Amino acid sequence: MGLLKSGFVAVAGRPNVGKSTLVNALCGGKVAIVSDKPHTTRRRIFGIANGDDHQLVLVDLPGFQRPRDTLTERMQKTVDASFEDIDAVLFVGSSRGASSGSGSRS
């Protein structure tokens, strides 16, 4: 067996763009809850994707947002702190349009 490569990859993006769906697909099973409601993921969720010569630890994060209350403030702190322990970031965007939405940071 050859050298096995591994790393931590944050799956990041705005709320409700399909981050959890992507993590589930890459891991080959249900790791994270999936809903059509924004803000379903409130904490980091870890999933493992294995290949012949690699292993990825995927970190499903809450969506980027401007904190508007205590809950969204804590969720954003989780996102911000998560980048300290990550080897790479996979940014997931929406193909539904360029609307900035109510949680926009711009």
Protein backbone atom coordinates (compact mmCIF):
# COMPACT_ATOMS: atom_id res chain seq x y z
CA MET A 1 0.00 0.00 0.00
CA GLY A 2 1.30 3.47 -0.90
CA LEU A 3 1.35 6.69 1.02
CA LEU A 4 -2.05 7.76 2.40
CA LYS A 5 -2.78 11.49 2.21
CA SER A 6 -5.22 13.07 4.63
CA GLY A 7 -6.46 16.46 5.72
CA PHE A 8 -9.25 18.53 7.23
CA VAL A 9 -11.49 20.39 4.78
CA ALA A 10 -14.04 22.99 5.91
CA VAL A 11 -17.22 23.04 3.84
CA ALA A 12 -18.26 26.69 4.07
CA GLY A 13 -20.78 29.04 2.50
CA ARG A 14 -23.98 30.98 3.06
CA PRO A 15 -26.95 29.37 4.84
CA ASN A 16 -29.02 26.88 2.86
CA VAL A 17 -26.72 26.44 -0.18
CA GLY A 18 -26.30 22.66 0.13
CA LYS A 19 -23.22 22.26 2.33
CA SER A 20 -24.71 19.38 4.36
CA THR A 21 -26.03 17.68 1.22
CA LEU A 22 -22.54 17.84 -0.30
CA VAL A 23 -20.91 16.44 2.86
CA ASN A 24 -23.40 13.56 2.90
CA ALA A 25 -22.73 12.82 -0.79
CA LEU A 26 -18.94 12.89 -0.40
CA CYS A 27 -19.07 10.68 2.72
CA GLY A 28 -21.39 8.19 1.03
CA GLY A 29 -24.10 8.31 3.69
CA LYS A 30 -26.08 10.51 6.03
CA VAL A 31 -23.69 12.38 8.29
CA ALA A 32 -25.44 15.75 8.56
CA ILE A 33 -29.12 16.61 8.75
CA VAL A 34 -30.56 18.10 5.56
CA SER A 35 -33.50 20.49 5.50
CA ASP A 36 -34.94 23.18 3.27
CA LYS A 37 -34.93 25.48 6.33
CA PRO A 38 -31.90 27.77 6.76
CA HIS A 39 -29.74 27.45 9.90
CA THR A 40 -30.30 23.70 10.36
CA THR A 41 -26.58 23.12 11.01
CA ARG A 42 -25.75 24.94 14.23
CA ARG A 43 -22.50 23.20 15.21
CA ARG A 44 -19.56 21.72 13.33
CA ILE A 45 -20.31 18.27 11.98
CA PHE A 46 -17.46 15.97 10.98
CA GLY A 47 -17.67 13.37 8.22
CA ILE A 48 -14.99 11.18 6.66
CA ALA A 49 -14.56 10.59 2.94
CA ASN A 50 -12.21 7.75 2.02
CA GLY A 51 -10.48 7.08 -1.28
CA ASP A 52 -7.83 4.60 -2.40
CA ASP A 53 -4.97 6.93 -1.48
CA HIS A 54 -6.62 9.66 0.59
CA GLN A 55 -8.86 10.39 3.53
CA LEU A 56 -10.66 13.70 4.00
CA VAL A 57 -12.20 14.85 7.24
CA LEU A 58 -15.00 17.12 6.03
CA VAL A 59 -16.18 19.76 8.48
CA ASP A 60 -19.74 20.89 7.76
CA LEU A 61 -20.10 24.41 9.16
CA PRO A 62 -23.07 26.66 9.86
CA GLY A 63 -23.64 29.21 7.09
CA PHE A 64 -21.82 32.56 6.97
CA GLN A 65 -24.10 35.29 8.25
CA ARG A 66 -24.26 38.63 9.95
CA PRO A 67 -25.15 37.88 13.59
CA ARG A 68 -28.60 39.26 14.42
CA ASP A 69 -29.25 37.56 17.76
CA THR A 70 -27.48 35.40 20.34
CA LEU A 71 -28.00 32.17 18.37
CA THR A 72 -26.62 33.47 15.07
CA GLU A 73 -23.77 35.20 16.93
CA ARG A 74 -22.71 31.88 18.47
CA MET A 75 -23.08 30.09 15.13
CA GLN A 76 -20.85 32.67 13.41
CA LYS A 77 -18.25 32.35 16.18
CA THR A 78 -18.23 28.59 15.51
CA VAL A 79 -17.56 29.26 11.82
CA ASP A 80 -14.81 31.81 12.53
CA ALA A 81 -13.02 29.58 15.07
CA SER A 82 -13.21 26.52 12.82
CA PHE A 83 -10.80 27.93 10.25
CA GLU A 84 -7.90 27.72 12.71
CA ASP A 85 -7.86 23.90 12.57
CA ILE A 86 -8.39 23.42 8.83
CA ASP A 87 -6.04 22.43 6.00
CA ALA A 88 -8.33 23.60 3.16
CA VAL A 89 -11.68 25.30 2.56
CA LEU A 90 -14.32 24.17 0.08
CA PHE A 91 -16.60 27.14 -0.54
CA VAL A 92 -20.13 26.23 -1.62
CA GLY A 93 -22.18 28.89 -3.41
CA SER A 94 -25.75 29.03 -4.60
CA SER A 95 -26.74 28.79 -8.23
CA ARG A 96 -30.15 30.29 -7.43
CA GLY A 97 -29.09 33.88 -8.08
CA ALA A 98 -26.89 36.62 -6.70
CA SER A 99 -29.24 37.84 -3.97
CA SER A 100 -27.35 38.91 -0.87
CA GLY A 101 -30.21 37.98 1.50
CA SER A 102 -30.95 39.15 5.01
CA GLY A 103 -27.85 37.56 6.56
CA SER A 104 -25.44 39.17 4.15
CA ARG A 105 -22.19 40.57 5.46
CA SER A 106 -21.92 43.11 2.65
